[in-house]
Amino acid sequence: MEHLSATPSLAEKIYAAVRLIPRGKVASYSQIAALMGNCNLRRYVGNALHKNPSNSVTPCHRVVNAKGFCSGSFAFGGVDVQRQKLKAEGVSFIDGHVDMAQHGITEDDFEQMHAELQKVCAEK
């Protein structure tokens, strides 16, 4: 019999955080890592999102690098797929990257996501 932990794994917490990014907004890998309590986990965040079991449940297309650039073409099944998904949500681009001033999560968004994440993790 498999033992199921009541404490969510780090990957599960990352997926929960990404599900909290509002539609039409993006967060950076570092911001998601900061929600986990360690900004240095940004590579782990990227790795976890690459292994995302369900893009329809966890909208990992809303995570971009700190400068607003999308992932490489392999991550979403083809060239420009992430960009197309973001544009469908109303996200605008400037010189090939997300207009972070307009679409990046704000400090208020971050604080609200942090509070919601604490609740979600407490419920598990």
C-alpha atoms as a PDB file:
ATOM      1  CA  MET A   1       0.000   0.000   0.000  1.00  0.00           C
ATOM      2  CA  GLU A   2       1.344   3.429  -0.978  1.00  0.00           C
ATOM      3  CA  HIS A   3       1.694   5.953   1.829  1.00  0.00           C
ATOM      4  CA  LEU A   4       0.100   9.294   0.986  1.00  0.00           C
ATOM      5  CA  SER A   5       1.526  12.278   2.777  1.00  0.00           C
ATOM      6  CA  ALA A   6      -0.808  14.901   4.210  1.00  0.00           C
ATOM      7  CA  THR A   7       1.852  17.494   3.364  1.00  0.00           C
ATOM      8  CA  PRO A   8       1.840  18.545  -0.300  1.00  0.00           C
ATOM      9  CA  SER A   9       5.093  18.027  -2.205  1.00  0.00           C
ATOM     10  CA  LEU A  10       7.059  21.006  -3.462  1.00  0.00           C
ATOM     11  CA  ALA A  11       5.858  20.291  -7.017  1.00  0.00           C
ATOM     12  CA  GLU A  12       2.233  20.205  -5.811  1.00  0.00           C
ATOM     13  CA  LYS A  13       2.769  23.569  -4.092  1.00  0.00           C
ATOM     14  CA  ILE A  14       4.248  24.989  -7.292  1.00  0.00           C
ATOM     15  CA  TYR A  15       1.237  23.781  -9.308  1.00  0.00           C
ATOM     16  CA  ALA A  16      -1.102  25.276  -6.689  1.00  0.00           C
ATOM     17  CA  ALA A  17       0.739  28.616  -6.914  1.00  0.00           C
ATOM     18  CA  VAL A  18       0.579  28.656 -10.717  1.00  0.00           C
ATOM     19  CA  ARG A  19      -3.169  27.988 -10.594  1.00  0.00           C
ATOM     20  CA  LEU A  20      -3.469  31.244  -8.600  1.00  0.00           C
ATOM     21  CA  ILE A  21      -1.956  33.445 -11.333  1.00  0.00           C
ATOM     22  CA  PRO A  22      -4.869  35.542 -12.589  1.00  0.00           C
ATOM     23  CA  ARG A  23      -5.942  35.141 -16.216  1.00  0.00           C
ATOM     24  CA  GLY A  24      -4.253  37.819 -18.335  1.00  0.00           C
ATOM     25  CA  LYS A  25      -1.278  38.035 -15.958  1.00  0.00           C
ATOM     26  CA  VAL A  26       2.081  36.302 -15.806  1.00  0.00           C
ATOM     27  CA  ALA A  27       4.563  35.502 -13.067  1.00  0.00           C
ATOM     28  CA  SER A  28       8.257  34.751 -13.327  1.00  0.00           C
ATOM     29  CA  TYR A  29       9.917  31.519 -12.246  1.00  0.00           C
ATOM     30  CA  SER A  30      11.591  33.526  -9.466  1.00  0.00           C
ATOM     31  CA  GLN A  31       8.254  34.851  -8.212  1.00  0.00           C
ATOM     32  CA  ILE A  32       6.836  31.334  -8.022  1.00  0.00           C
ATOM     33  CA  ALA A  33      10.021  30.245  -6.236  1.00  0.00           C
ATOM     34  CA  ALA A  34       9.571  33.152  -3.802  1.00  0.00           C
ATOM     35  CA  LEU A  35       6.057  31.892  -3.061  1.00  0.00           C
ATOM     36  CA  MET A  36       7.741  28.609  -2.099  1.00  0.00           C
ATOM     37  CA  GLY A  37       9.958  30.567   0.293  1.00  0.00           C
ATOM     38  CA  ASN A  38      13.211  30.337  -1.686  1.00  0.00           C
ATOM     39  CA  CYS A  39      13.997  32.492  -4.749  1.00  0.00           C
ATOM     40  CA  ASN A  40      16.832  30.111  -5.627  1.00  0.00           C
ATOM     41  CA  LEU A  41      14.325  27.398  -6.557  1.00  0.00           C
ATOM     42  CA  ARG A  42      13.539  29.010  -9.926  1.00  0.00           C
ATOM     43  CA  ARG A  43      15.206  26.188 -11.883  1.00  0.00           C
ATOM     44  CA  TYR A  44      13.252  23.646  -9.849  1.00  0.00           C
ATOM     45  CA  VAL A  45      10.077  25.583 -10.683  1.00  0.00           C
ATOM     46  CA  GLY A  46      10.921  25.371 -14.386  1.00  0.00           C
ATOM     47  CA  ASN A  47      11.613  21.657 -14.109  1.00  0.00           C
ATOM     48  CA  ALA A  48       8.354  21.018 -12.242  1.00  0.00           C
ATOM     49  CA  LEU A  49       6.365  23.006 -14.803  1.00  0.00           C
ATOM     50  CA  HIS A  50       8.024  21.086 -17.635  1.00  0.00           C
ATOM     51  CA  LYS A  51       6.633  17.920 -15.984  1.00  0.00           C
ATOM     52  CA  ASN A  52       3.196  19.475 -15.376  1.00  0.00           C
ATOM     53  CA  PRO A  53       0.714  16.573 -15.528  1.00  0.00           C
ATOM     54  CA  SER A  54      -2.181  18.717 -16.787  1.00  0.00           C
ATOM     55  CA  ASN A  55      -1.903  22.013 -18.635  1.00  0.00           C
ATOM     56  CA  SER A  56      -5.696  22.277 -18.610  1.00  0.00           C
ATOM     57  CA  VAL A  57      -5.645  22.286 -14.785  1.00  0.00           C
ATOM     58  CA  THR A  58      -2.384  24.136 -14.158  1.00  0.00           C
ATOM     59  CA  PRO A  59      -1.882  27.025 -16.612  1.00  0.00           C
ATOM     60  CA  CYS A  60       1.911  26.927 -16.664  1.00  0.00           C
ATOM     61  CA  HIS A  61       1.884  29.063 -19.831  1.00  0.00           C
ATOM     62  CA  ARG A  62       1.425  31.986 -17.407  1.00  0.00           C
ATOM     63  CA  VAL A  63       5.002  31.579 -16.130  1.00  0.00           C
ATOM     64  CA  VAL A  64       7.751  33.359 -18.059  1.00  0.00           C
ATOM     65  CA  ASN A  65      11.322  34.357 -17.330  1.00  0.00           C
ATOM     66  CA  ALA A  66      12.060  37.546 -15.383  1.00  0.00           C
ATOM     67  CA  LYS A  67      12.355  39.580 -18.593  1.00  0.00           C
ATOM     68  CA  GLY A  68       9.020  38.304 -19.875  1.00  0.00           C
ATOM     69  CA  PHE A  69      10.311  35.861 -22.452  1.00  0.00           C
ATOM     70  CA  CYS A  70       8.414  32.647 -23.113  1.00  0.00           C
ATOM     71  CA  SER A  71       9.871  29.159 -22.761  1.00  0.00           C
ATOM     72  CA  GLY A  72      11.572  27.352 -25.596  1.00  0.00           C
ATOM     73  CA  SER A  73       9.350  25.766 -28.202  1.00  0.00           C
ATOM     74  CA  PHE A  74       9.570  22.283 -26.671  1.00  0.00           C
ATOM     75  CA  ALA A  75       7.715  23.201 -23.503  1.00  0.00           C
ATOM     76  CA  PHE A  76       4.227  23.694 -24.917  1.00  0.00           C
ATOM     77  CA  GLY A  77       4.204  21.479 -27.965  1.00  0.00           C
ATOM     78  CA  GLY A  78       5.483  23.829 -30.616  1.00  0.00           C
ATOM     79  CA  VAL A  79       6.928  27.172 -31.555  1.00  0.00           C
ATOM     80  CA  ASP A  80       4.835  30.080 -30.256  1.00  0.00           C
ATOM     81  CA  VAL A  81       2.228  27.931 -28.433  1.00  0.00           C
ATOM     82  CA  GLN A  82       2.870  29.643 -25.084  1.00  0.00           C
ATOM     83  CA  ARG A  83       2.713  33.050 -26.749  1.00  0.00           C
ATOM     84  CA  GLN A  84      -0.561  32.123 -28.492  1.00  0.00           C
ATOM     85  CA  LYS A  85      -2.103  30.972 -25.188  1.00  0.00           C
ATOM     86  CA  LEU A  86      -1.071  34.205 -23.480  1.00  0.00           C
ATOM     87  CA  LYS A  87      -2.351  36.366 -26.345  1.00  0.00           C
ATOM     88  CA  ALA A  88      -5.687  34.501 -26.145  1.00  0.00           C
ATOM     89  CA  GLU A  89      -5.886  35.723 -22.533  1.00  0.00           C
ATOM     90  CA  GLY A  90      -5.213  39.325 -23.578  1.00  0.00           C
ATOM     91  CA  VAL A  91      -1.508  39.441 -22.726  1.00  0.00           C
ATOM     92  CA  SER A  92       0.415  41.889 -24.922  1.00  0.00           C
ATOM     93  CA  PHE A  93       3.996  41.628 -26.099  1.00  0.00           C
ATOM     94  CA  ILE A  94       6.685  44.236 -26.742  1.00  0.00           C
ATOM     95  CA  ASP A  95       9.753  43.335 -28.810  1.00  0.00           C
ATOM     96  CA  GLY A  96       9.091  39.610 -28.431  1.00  0.00           C
ATOM     97  CA  HIS A  97       8.438  39.491 -24.688  1.00  0.00           C
ATOM     98  CA  VAL A  98       5.479  40.006 -22.369  1.00  0.00           C
ATOM     99  CA  ASP A  99       4.800  43.601 -21.383  1.00  0.00           C
ATOM    100  CA  MET A 100       5.644  42.895 -17.741  1.00  0.00           C
ATOM    101  CA  ALA A 101       4.639  46.395 -16.598  1.00  0.00           C
ATOM    102  CA  GLN A 102       1.113  45.714 -17.803  1.00  0.00           C
ATOM    103  CA  HIS A 103       0.759  41.948 -17.304  1.00  0.00           C
ATOM    104  CA  GLY A 104       3.227  40.926 -14.603  1.00  0.00           C
ATOM    105  CA  ILE A 105       1.714  40.103 -11.241  1.00  0.00           C
ATOM    106  CA  THR A 106       1.757  43.051  -8.871  1.00  0.00           C
ATOM    107  CA  GLU A 107       2.897  43.142  -5.256  1.00  0.00           C
ATOM    108  CA  ASP A 108      -0.790  42.967  -4.259  1.00  0.00           C
ATOM    109  CA  ASP A 109      -1.321  39.957  -6.555  1.00  0.00           C
ATOM    110  CA  PHE A 110       1.735  38.297  -4.987  1.00  0.00           C
ATOM    111  CA  GLU A 111       0.483  38.897  -1.436  1.00  0.00           C
ATOM    112  CA  GLN A 112      -2.977  37.595  -2.306  1.00  0.00           C
ATOM    113  CA  MET A 113      -1.492  34.522  -4.006  1.00  0.00           C
ATOM    114  CA  HIS A 114       0.719  33.916  -0.964  1.00  0.00           C
ATOM    115  CA  ALA A 115      -2.274  34.076   1.399  1.00  0.00           C
ATOM    116  CA  GLU A 116      -4.342  31.759  -0.818  1.00  0.00           C
ATOM    117  CA  LEU A 117      -1.436  29.330  -1.151  1.00  0.00           C
ATOM    118  CA  GLN A 118      -1.121  29.171   2.624  1.00  0.00           C
ATOM    119  CA  LYS A 119      -4.810  28.247   2.861  1.00  0.00           C
ATOM    120  CA  VAL A 120      -4.577  25.630   0.105  1.00  0.00           C
ATOM    121  CA  CYS A 121      -1.540  23.990   1.679  1.00  0.00           C
ATOM    122  CA  ALA A 122      -3.137  24.041   5.139  1.00  0.00           C
ATOM    123  CA  GLU A 123      -6.189  22.207   3.785  1.00  0.00           C
ATOM    124  CA  LYS A 124      -4.139  19.279   2.446  1.00  0.00           C
END
